[in-house]
Amino acid sequence: MKIKNLLLAPLVALALSSCGGGGSSIAEESYVSGNGSVSYIKQADRIPAPRLSGMTLTGKNYTYDVGKVAVVNVWASWCAPCRAEAPTLAALSEKYSNVAFIGILTRDNPVNAEAFTRRFSLPYPTLIDDSVLIGFRKSLPANAIPSTVLIDKKGNVAARISGEVTVASLSELIEKVSAE
């Protein structure tokens, strides 16, 4: 009987240890993290951004109106670089009050996302329909999480930061696109 228990104990331990999961999901395991690279498109080569509208995390309808520069940030609450860049985005959205900041939640659930926006005091709307991302596929697709796309005053895709933004990288793009 004791030998049987000795053989069974490692199997039970192995079975129990495989149940943990650590809170991960398929989305978390399959995302691509950007490297912070910046892409800028010359004005003559730009194409229209998709229509940015829909339901926000707060349950309100939002529509971006062409005519002002927009910073569109694709994020998820489980994404470590997203958590790292959130204070920068919040601060820059306050500094550049003439620029529309818009979040797009991807592969996440609203409850976690709401906690994320409260934790980092994000003052701008976050769209919860990530199908909007498909509209960027012909210009600068948001191919990593986080990704940040800038839209010029004419509603065209002007630039993208693939990965975590920095104060310097995003400020430079905002100023460059705003000055056009």
C-alpha atoms as a PDB file:
ATOM      1  CA  MET A   1       0.000   0.000   0.000  1.00  0.00           C
ATOM      2  CA  LYS A   2       2.801   2.455   0.833  1.00  0.00           C
ATOM      3  CA  ILE A   3       4.616   1.784  -2.459  1.00  0.00           C
ATOM      4  CA  LYS A   4       1.403   2.449  -4.338  1.00  0.00           C
ATOM      5  CA  ASN A   5       1.038   5.822  -2.536  1.00  0.00           C
ATOM      6  CA  LEU A   6       4.666   6.710  -3.346  1.00  0.00           C
ATOM      7  CA  LEU A   7       4.029   6.090  -7.043  1.00  0.00           C
ATOM      8  CA  LEU A   8       0.723   7.937  -7.016  1.00  0.00           C
ATOM      9  CA  ALA A   9       1.947  11.077  -5.199  1.00  0.00           C
ATOM     10  CA  PRO A  10       4.117  12.422  -8.073  1.00  0.00           C
ATOM     11  CA  LEU A  11       1.295  11.862 -10.559  1.00  0.00           C
ATOM     12  CA  VAL A  12      -1.176  13.760  -8.380  1.00  0.00           C
ATOM     13  CA  ALA A  13       1.337  16.595  -7.897  1.00  0.00           C
ATOM     14  CA  LEU A  14       1.913  16.807 -11.659  1.00  0.00           C
ATOM     15  CA  ALA A  15      -1.809  16.850 -12.384  1.00  0.00           C
ATOM     16  CA  LEU A  16      -2.492  19.574  -9.822  1.00  0.00           C
ATOM     17  CA  SER A  17       0.391  21.757 -10.969  1.00  0.00           C
ATOM     18  CA  SER A  18      -0.909  21.755 -14.551  1.00  0.00           C
ATOM     19  CA  CYS A  19      -4.246  23.251 -13.465  1.00  0.00           C
ATOM     20  CA  GLY A  20      -2.888  26.641 -12.424  1.00  0.00           C
ATOM     21  CA  GLY A  21      -2.771  28.441 -15.737  1.00  0.00           C
ATOM     22  CA  GLY A  22      -1.389  31.543 -14.009  1.00  0.00           C
ATOM     23  CA  GLY A  23      -4.241  33.697 -15.272  1.00  0.00           C
ATOM     24  CA  SER A  24      -3.024  33.598 -18.841  1.00  0.00           C
ATOM     25  CA  SER A  25      -5.184  33.194 -21.883  1.00  0.00           C
ATOM     26  CA  ILE A  26      -4.727  32.346 -25.525  1.00  0.00           C
ATOM     27  CA  ALA A  27      -4.780  36.067 -26.303  1.00  0.00           C
ATOM     28  CA  GLU A  28      -1.987  36.755 -23.858  1.00  0.00           C
ATOM     29  CA  GLU A  29       0.127  33.936 -25.216  1.00  0.00           C
ATOM     30  CA  SER A  30      -0.352  34.881 -28.864  1.00  0.00           C
ATOM     31  CA  TYR A  31       0.238  38.613 -28.855  1.00  0.00           C
ATOM     32  CA  VAL A  32       3.241  40.259 -30.483  1.00  0.00           C
ATOM     33  CA  SER A  33       5.029  42.944 -28.532  1.00  0.00           C
ATOM     34  CA  GLY A  34       6.364  45.823 -30.596  1.00  0.00           C
ATOM     35  CA  ASN A  35       9.902  47.119 -30.381  1.00  0.00           C
ATOM     36  CA  GLY A  36       9.117  50.838 -30.208  1.00  0.00           C
ATOM     37  CA  SER A  37       9.863  51.439 -33.879  1.00  0.00           C
ATOM     38  CA  VAL A  38       8.397  54.600 -35.381  1.00  0.00           C
ATOM     39  CA  SER A  39       6.913  54.768 -38.893  1.00  0.00           C
ATOM     40  CA  TYR A  40       6.049  58.124 -40.445  1.00  0.00           C
ATOM     41  CA  ILE A  41       4.186  58.484 -43.756  1.00  0.00           C
ATOM     42  CA  LYS A  42       4.785  61.441 -46.056  1.00  0.00           C
ATOM     43  CA  GLN A  43       1.608  63.483 -46.582  1.00  0.00           C
ATOM     44  CA  ALA A  44       1.352  62.551 -50.268  1.00  0.00           C
ATOM     45  CA  ASP A  45       1.382  58.819 -49.438  1.00  0.00           C
ATOM     46  CA  ARG A  46      -1.249  58.780 -46.699  1.00  0.00           C
ATOM     47  CA  ILE A  47      -4.600  57.039 -46.917  1.00  0.00           C
ATOM     48  CA  PRO A  48      -7.751  57.636 -44.870  1.00  0.00           C
ATOM     49  CA  ALA A  49      -7.980  56.166 -41.397  1.00  0.00           C
ATOM     50  CA  PRO A  50     -10.988  53.984 -40.648  1.00  0.00           C
ATOM     51  CA  ARG A  51     -14.030  55.539 -39.047  1.00  0.00           C
ATOM     52  CA  LEU A  52     -13.363  55.625 -35.315  1.00  0.00           C
ATOM     53  CA  SER A  53     -16.653  55.278 -33.545  1.00  0.00           C
ATOM     54  CA  GLY A  54     -18.492  52.915 -31.293  1.00  0.00           C
ATOM     55  CA  MET A  55     -19.256  52.030 -27.717  1.00  0.00           C
ATOM     56  CA  THR A  56     -16.713  52.979 -25.059  1.00  0.00           C
ATOM     57  CA  LEU A  57     -15.804  51.294 -21.804  1.00  0.00           C
ATOM     58  CA  THR A  58     -18.048  53.765 -20.005  1.00  0.00           C
ATOM     59  CA  GLY A  59     -21.039  52.762 -22.119  1.00  0.00           C
ATOM     60  CA  LYS A  60     -21.168  55.920 -24.202  1.00  0.00           C
ATOM     61  CA  ASN A  61     -21.100  56.237 -27.976  1.00  0.00           C
ATOM     62  CA  TYR A  62     -18.019  57.987 -29.304  1.00  0.00           C
ATOM     63  CA  THR A  63     -17.147  59.275 -32.761  1.00  0.00           C
ATOM     64  CA  TYR A  64     -13.865  60.890 -33.739  1.00  0.00           C
ATOM     65  CA  ASP A  65     -14.484  63.945 -35.887  1.00  0.00           C
ATOM     66  CA  VAL A  66     -11.899  64.644 -38.573  1.00  0.00           C
ATOM     67  CA  GLY A  67     -10.293  68.056 -38.201  1.00  0.00           C
ATOM     68  CA  LYS A  68      -7.895  67.525 -35.331  1.00  0.00           C
ATOM     69  CA  VAL A  69      -4.900  65.278 -34.874  1.00  0.00           C
ATOM     70  CA  ALA A  70      -5.693  61.996 -33.133  1.00  0.00           C
ATOM     71  CA  VAL A  71      -3.548  59.556 -31.187  1.00  0.00           C
ATOM     72  CA  VAL A  72      -5.072  56.075 -31.281  1.00  0.00           C
ATOM     73  CA  ASN A  73      -3.607  53.594 -28.798  1.00  0.00           C
ATOM     74  CA  VAL A  74      -4.326  49.866 -29.046  1.00  0.00           C
ATOM     75  CA  TRP A  75      -3.963  48.173 -25.673  1.00  0.00           C
ATOM     76  CA  ALA A  76      -4.995  45.415 -23.278  1.00  0.00           C
ATOM     77  CA  SER A  77      -4.930  45.362 -19.482  1.00  0.00           C
ATOM     78  CA  TRP A  78      -2.828  42.170 -19.355  1.00  0.00           C
ATOM     79  CA  CYS A  79      -0.093  43.687 -21.566  1.00  0.00           C
ATOM     80  CA  ALA A  80       2.979  44.732 -19.528  1.00  0.00           C
ATOM     81  CA  PRO A  81       4.187  47.361 -22.059  1.00  0.00           C
ATOM     82  CA  CYS A  82       0.642  48.794 -22.072  1.00  0.00           C
ATOM     83  CA  ARG A  83       0.817  49.222 -18.298  1.00  0.00           C
ATOM     84  CA  ALA A  84       4.250  50.816 -18.634  1.00  0.00           C
ATOM     85  CA  GLU A  85       3.129  53.369 -21.235  1.00  0.00           C
ATOM     86  CA  ALA A  86      -0.238  54.269 -19.669  1.00  0.00           C
ATOM     87  CA  PRO A  87       1.120  57.087 -17.435  1.00  0.00           C
ATOM     88  CA  THR A  88       2.901  58.605 -20.462  1.00  0.00           C
ATOM     89  CA  LEU A  89      -0.279  58.531 -22.553  1.00  0.00           C
ATOM     90  CA  ALA A  90      -2.337  60.037 -19.731  1.00  0.00           C
ATOM     91  CA  ALA A  91       0.189  62.855 -19.215  1.00  0.00           C
ATOM     92  CA  LEU A  92       0.527  63.605 -22.938  1.00  0.00           C
ATOM     93  CA  SER A  93      -3.241  63.650 -23.387  1.00  0.00           C
ATOM     94  CA  GLU A  94      -3.355  66.412 -20.766  1.00  0.00           C
ATOM     95  CA  LYS A  95      -0.403  68.274 -22.303  1.00  0.00           C
ATOM     96  CA  TYR A  96      -1.772  68.122 -25.846  1.00  0.00           C
ATOM     97  CA  SER A  97      -5.387  69.013 -25.113  1.00  0.00           C
ATOM     98  CA  ASN A  98      -5.935  70.011 -28.764  1.00  0.00           C
ATOM     99  CA  VAL A  99      -5.241  66.392 -29.833  1.00  0.00           C
ATOM    100  CA  ALA A 100      -7.874  63.649 -29.608  1.00  0.00           C
ATOM    101  CA  PHE A 101      -6.596  60.640 -27.670  1.00  0.00           C
ATOM    102  CA  ILE A 102      -8.557  57.434 -28.253  1.00  0.00           C
ATOM    103  CA  GLY A 103      -7.942  53.946 -26.901  1.00  0.00           C
ATOM    104  CA  ILE A 104      -8.942  50.717 -28.598  1.00  0.00           C
ATOM    105  CA  LEU A 105      -9.241  47.715 -26.313  1.00  0.00           C
ATOM    106  CA  THR A 106      -8.188  44.440 -27.899  1.00  0.00           C
ATOM    107  CA  ARG A 107      -8.392  40.841 -26.705  1.00  0.00           C
ATOM    108  CA  ASP A 108      -9.446  41.806 -23.207  1.00  0.00           C
ATOM    109  CA  ASN A 109     -12.541  41.937 -21.062  1.00  0.00           C
ATOM    110  CA  PRO A 110     -14.250  45.171 -20.063  1.00  0.00           C
ATOM    111  CA  VAL A 111     -14.047  44.564 -16.307  1.00  0.00           C
ATOM    112  CA  ASN A 112     -10.244  44.318 -16.334  1.00  0.00           C
ATOM    113  CA  ALA A 113     -10.031  47.195 -18.792  1.00  0.00           C
ATOM    114  CA  GLU A 114     -12.174  49.451 -16.591  1.00  0.00           C
ATOM    115  CA  ALA A 115      -9.915  48.715 -13.626  1.00  0.00           C
ATOM    116  CA  PHE A 116      -6.893  49.529 -15.823  1.00  0.00           C
ATOM    117  CA  THR A 117      -8.312  52.909 -16.893  1.00  0.00           C
ATOM    118  CA  ARG A 118      -9.123  53.798 -13.267  1.00  0.00           C
ATOM    119  CA  ARG A 119      -5.698  52.693 -12.033  1.00  0.00           C
ATOM    120  CA  PHE A 120      -3.873  54.819 -14.605  1.00  0.00           C
ATOM    121  CA  SER A 121      -6.439  57.657 -14.680  1.00  0.00           C
ATOM    122  CA  LEU A 122      -6.803  57.535 -18.447  1.00  0.00           C
ATOM    123  CA  PRO A 123      -8.857  60.640 -19.289  1.00  0.00           C
ATOM    124  CA  TYR A 124      -9.750  59.695 -22.871  1.00  0.00           C
ATOM    125  CA  PRO A 125     -12.339  57.280 -24.313  1.00  0.00           C
ATOM    126  CA  THR A 126     -11.542  53.655 -25.110  1.00  0.00           C
ATOM    127  CA  LEU A 127     -13.505  51.900 -27.825  1.00  0.00           C
ATOM    128  CA  ILE A 128     -14.368  48.299 -26.995  1.00  0.00           C
ATOM    129  CA  ASP A 129     -14.901  47.103 -30.580  1.00  0.00           C
ATOM    130  CA  ASP A 130     -11.480  46.067 -31.819  1.00  0.00           C
ATOM    131  CA  SER A 131     -12.893  45.342 -35.292  1.00  0.00           C
ATOM    132  CA  VAL A 132     -11.970  48.991 -35.963  1.00  0.00           C
ATOM    133  CA  LEU A 133      -8.388  47.728 -36.238  1.00  0.00           C
ATOM    134  CA  ILE A 134      -9.184  46.007 -39.537  1.00  0.00           C
ATOM    135  CA  GLY A 135      -9.544  49.446 -41.113  1.00  0.00           C
ATOM    136  CA  PHE A 136      -5.839  50.133 -40.561  1.00  0.00           C
ATOM    137  CA  ARG A 137      -4.715  47.076 -42.549  1.00  0.00           C
ATOM    138  CA  LYS A 138      -3.897  49.009 -45.753  1.00  0.00           C
ATOM    139  CA  SER A 139      -1.898  51.770 -44.058  1.00  0.00           C
ATOM    140  CA  LEU A 140      -0.123  51.070 -40.791  1.00  0.00           C
ATOM    141  CA  PRO A 141      -1.784  48.090 -39.168  1.00  0.00           C
ATOM    142  CA  ALA A 142      -1.701  47.878 -35.404  1.00  0.00           C
ATOM    143  CA  ASN A 143       0.290  44.663 -35.603  1.00  0.00           C
ATOM    144  CA  ALA A 144       1.569  44.608 -32.049  1.00  0.00           C
ATOM    145  CA  ILE A 145       0.267  45.372 -28.606  1.00  0.00           C
ATOM    146  CA  PRO A 146       0.628  48.140 -27.772  1.00  0.00           C
ATOM    147  CA  SER A 147       0.489  50.070 -31.031  1.00  0.00           C
ATOM    148  CA  THR A 148      -0.156  53.769 -31.362  1.00  0.00           C
ATOM    149  CA  VAL A 149      -1.336  55.331 -34.622  1.00  0.00           C
ATOM    150  CA  LEU A 150      -1.472  59.062 -35.366  1.00  0.00           C
ATOM    151  CA  ILE A 151      -4.149  60.486 -37.623  1.00  0.00           C
ATOM    152  CA  ASP A 152      -3.631  63.869 -39.244  1.00  0.00           C
ATOM    153  CA  LYS A 153      -6.154  66.734 -39.386  1.00  0.00           C
ATOM    154  CA  LYS A 154      -7.476  65.451 -42.725  1.00  0.00           C
ATOM    155  CA  GLY A 155      -8.282  62.045 -41.231  1.00  0.00           C
ATOM    156  CA  ASN A 156      -5.361  60.199 -42.820  1.00  0.00           C
ATOM    157  CA  VAL A 157      -2.994  57.759 -41.133  1.00  0.00           C
ATOM    158  CA  ALA A 158       0.241  59.673 -40.577  1.00  0.00           C
ATOM    159  CA  ALA A 159       2.419  57.574 -38.251  1.00  0.00           C
ATOM    160  CA  ARG A 160       2.660  54.562 -35.966  1.00  0.00           C
ATOM    161  CA  ILE A 161       4.698  53.513 -32.967  1.00  0.00           C
ATOM    162  CA  SER A 162       4.833  49.734 -32.745  1.00  0.00           C
ATOM    163  CA  GLY A 163       5.316  48.944 -29.089  1.00  0.00           C
ATOM    164  CA  GLU A 164       5.598  51.099 -26.017  1.00  0.00           C
ATOM    165  CA  VAL A 165       5.538  54.862 -26.572  1.00  0.00           C
ATOM    166  CA  THR A 166       7.962  57.203 -24.882  1.00  0.00           C
ATOM    167  CA  VAL A 167       7.428  60.854 -24.084  1.00  0.00           C
ATOM    168  CA  ALA A 168      10.053  61.765 -26.684  1.00  0.00           C
ATOM    169  CA  SER A 169       8.805  59.536 -29.514  1.00  0.00           C
ATOM    170  CA  LEU A 170       5.133  60.413 -29.173  1.00  0.00           C
ATOM    171  CA  SER A 171       5.687  64.134 -28.494  1.00  0.00           C
ATOM    172  CA  GLU A 172       7.865  64.414 -31.594  1.00  0.00           C
ATOM    173  CA  LEU A 173       5.212  62.779 -33.783  1.00  0.00           C
ATOM    174  CA  ILE A 174       2.359  64.815 -32.299  1.00  0.00           C
ATOM    175  CA  GLU A 175       4.246  68.062 -32.905  1.00  0.00           C
ATOM    176  CA  LYS A 176       5.303  67.056 -36.423  1.00  0.00           C
ATOM    177  CA  VAL A 177       1.792  66.020 -37.496  1.00  0.00           C
ATOM    178  CA  SER A 178       0.136  68.982 -35.737  1.00  0.00           C
ATOM    179  CA  ALA A 179       2.416  71.453 -37.511  1.00  0.00           C
ATOM    180  CA  GLU A 180       1.385  70.227 -40.966  1.00  0.00           C
END
